[in-house]
């Protein structure tokens, strides 16, 4: 099932294949599914969930765009209208010590060295963010 979805996503150009075209062609046959999936998973943008912009307590008068993948969590700064700005913060899943939602607020806590930082996002998609974090966390447990 993952193989077929990956092929469909490739055909619909849902992720960036720059520099991987030859390797993808070489491994696209059904007999090399595992190799193909490995290449696809290394492509930027593959299997990334990007949420609509929302208010974030860690940005004064600003919004962010949250994206999550198996590899990382990213928050990109944007205007209140959703226009992307240059600032992007990436977090490793290993640094997430806690996450949850309460109504329209989704939060997660990042632990670094001896400090913790709680990030709260106000959005009607808080429940979907929670489900995404749950599924990725569970998948990461199975992968280790």
Protein backbone atom coordinates (compact mmCIF):
# COMPACT_ATOMS: atom_id res chain seq x y z
CA UNK A 1 0.00 0.00 0.00
CA UNK A 2 2.83 2.45 0.85
CA UNK A 3 4.51 1.66 -2.46
CA UNK A 4 1.37 2.44 -4.49
CA UNK A 5 0.77 5.67 -2.56
CA UNK A 6 4.39 6.72 -3.09
CA UNK A 7 4.14 6.07 -6.84
CA UNK A 8 0.90 8.06 -7.02
CA UNK A 9 2.42 10.95 -5.04
CA UNK A 10 5.45 10.88 -7.35
CA UNK A 11 3.26 11.04 -10.45
CA UNK A 12 1.23 13.91 -8.96
CA UNK A 13 4.45 15.78 -8.04
CA UNK A 14 3.52 16.06 -4.37
CA UNK A 15 7.18 16.29 -3.29
CA UNK A 16 10.53 17.54 -4.56
CA UNK A 17 12.54 14.92 -6.51
CA UNK A 18 15.38 17.21 -7.56
CA UNK A 19 18.58 15.20 -7.81
CA UNK A 20 16.80 11.90 -7.20
CA UNK A 21 15.20 11.35 -10.62
CA UNK A 22 17.62 8.66 -11.85
CA UNK A 23 17.56 6.76 -8.58
CA UNK A 24 13.74 6.89 -8.52
CA UNK A 25 13.50 5.57 -12.09
CA UNK A 26 15.97 2.79 -11.27
CA UNK A 27 14.04 1.62 -8.19
CA UNK A 28 10.45 2.20 -9.34
CA UNK A 29 9.85 -1.41 -10.39
CA UNK A 30 7.64 -3.52 -8.11
CA UNK A 31 10.58 -5.87 -7.38
CA UNK A 32 12.55 -3.02 -5.77
CA UNK A 33 9.75 -1.57 -3.62
CA UNK A 34 11.83 -1.28 -0.47
CA UNK A 35 14.63 0.59 -2.26
CA UNK A 36 12.10 2.85 -4.00
CA UNK A 37 10.41 3.73 -0.70
CA UNK A 38 13.76 4.48 0.86
CA UNK A 39 14.59 6.96 -1.94
CA UNK A 40 11.12 8.53 -1.83
CA UNK A 41 11.31 8.98 1.95
CA UNK A 42 14.56 10.90 1.53
CA UNK A 43 12.93 13.44 -0.81
CA UNK A 44 12.08 16.87 0.66
CA UNK A 45 8.36 17.30 1.20
CA UNK A 46 7.47 13.60 1.06
CA UNK A 47 4.84 12.60 3.60
CA UNK A 48 4.74 16.03 5.24
CA UNK A 49 1.54 17.35 6.78
CA UNK A 50 1.30 21.14 6.49
CA UNK A 51 -1.37 22.89 8.52
CA UNK A 52 -2.97 26.27 7.73
CA UNK A 53 -1.35 29.27 9.41
CA UNK A 54 -2.41 30.04 12.95
CA UNK A 55 -1.59 32.27 15.90
CA UNK A 56 1.41 31.21 17.99
CA UNK A 57 2.20 32.41 21.51
CA UNK A 58 5.94 32.45 20.83
CA UNK A 59 5.65 35.12 18.13
CA UNK A 60 4.55 38.58 19.10
CA UNK A 61 1.69 39.62 16.80
CA UNK A 62 2.52 36.78 14.45
CA UNK A 63 1.36 33.56 12.99
CA UNK A 64 3.16 30.38 12.01
CA UNK A 65 2.72 27.47 9.64
CA UNK A 66 3.24 24.11 11.34
CA UNK A 67 4.46 21.16 9.32
CA UNK A 68 5.22 17.69 10.62
CA UNK A 69 6.96 14.71 9.09
CA UNK A 70 8.56 11.52 10.33
CA UNK A 71 11.90 13.34 10.45
CA UNK A 72 11.06 16.67 12.09
CA UNK A 73 8.65 19.37 13.21
CA UNK A 74 8.91 22.75 11.47
CA UNK A 75 7.40 26.10 12.29
CA UNK A 76 7.65 28.79 9.62
CA UNK A 77 6.92 32.38 10.52
CA UNK A 78 4.19 34.09 8.52
CA UNK A 79 1.97 37.15 8.60
CA UNK A 80 -1.56 37.13 10.01
CA UNK A 81 -2.68 36.67 6.40
CA UNK A 82 -0.50 33.57 5.95
CA UNK A 83 2.25 35.12 3.82
CA UNK A 84 5.43 33.12 4.50
CA UNK A 85 8.40 34.83 6.08
CA UNK A 86 12.02 33.66 6.16
CA UNK A 87 12.27 32.49 9.77
CA UNK A 88 11.94 28.70 10.14
CA UNK A 89 12.49 26.70 13.32
CA UNK A 90 13.06 22.95 13.04
CA UNK A 91 12.75 20.57 15.97
CA UNK A 92 13.80 16.95 16.25
CA UNK A 93 11.13 14.59 17.52
CA UNK A 94 13.50 13.51 20.27
CA UNK A 95 13.29 17.02 21.74
CA UNK A 96 9.49 16.87 22.19
CA UNK A 97 8.82 16.08 25.84
CA UNK A 98 5.07 16.69 25.88
CA UNK A 99 2.19 17.62 23.59
CA UNK A 100 -1.59 17.89 23.74
CA UNK A 101 -4.64 19.94 22.92
CA UNK A 102 -7.34 21.78 24.80
CA UNK A 103 -10.18 22.95 22.60
CA UNK A 104 -8.72 25.19 19.89
CA UNK A 105 -5.22 25.24 21.38
CA UNK A 106 -2.55 22.71 20.48
CA UNK A 107 0.69 22.77 22.44
CA UNK A 108 3.99 20.96 22.49
CA UNK A 109 7.02 21.27 24.72
CA UNK A 110 10.57 21.30 23.42
CA UNK A 111 13.36 20.23 25.79
CA UNK A 112 16.91 21.43 25.16
CA UNK A 113 19.79 20.92 27.59
CA UNK A 114 18.43 22.20 30.90
CA UNK A 115 15.48 24.18 29.57
CA UNK A 116 11.97 23.57 28.28
CA UNK A 117 9.86 25.73 26.03
CA UNK A 118 6.13 25.27 25.56
CA UNK A 119 4.75 26.38 22.20
CA UNK A 120 0.99 26.96 21.89
CA UNK A 121 -0.88 27.26 18.62
CA UNK A 122 -4.44 28.57 18.48
CA UNK A 123 -6.28 26.90 15.63
CA UNK A 124 -9.48 25.03 14.79
CA UNK A 125 -7.13 22.24 13.60
CA UNK A 126 -5.78 21.50 17.11
CA UNK A 127 -7.34 18.03 17.14
CA UNK A 128 -5.82 17.16 13.76
CA UNK A 129 -2.43 18.35 14.99
CA UNK A 130 -2.81 16.11 18.03
CA UNK A 131 -3.70 13.12 15.83
CA UNK A 132 -0.70 13.77 13.59
CA UNK A 133 1.65 13.98 16.57
CA UNK A 134 0.12 10.77 17.99
CA UNK A 135 0.55 8.84 14.73
CA UNK A 136 4.09 10.01 14.06
CA UNK A 137 5.13 9.34 17.65
CA UNK A 138 3.69 5.83 17.41
CA UNK A 139 5.38 5.21 14.05
CA UNK A 140 8.71 6.41 15.42
CA UNK A 141 8.42 3.96 18.33
CA UNK A 142 7.91 1.09 15.86
CA UNK A 143 10.88 2.24 13.76
CA UNK A 144 13.40 2.10 16.60
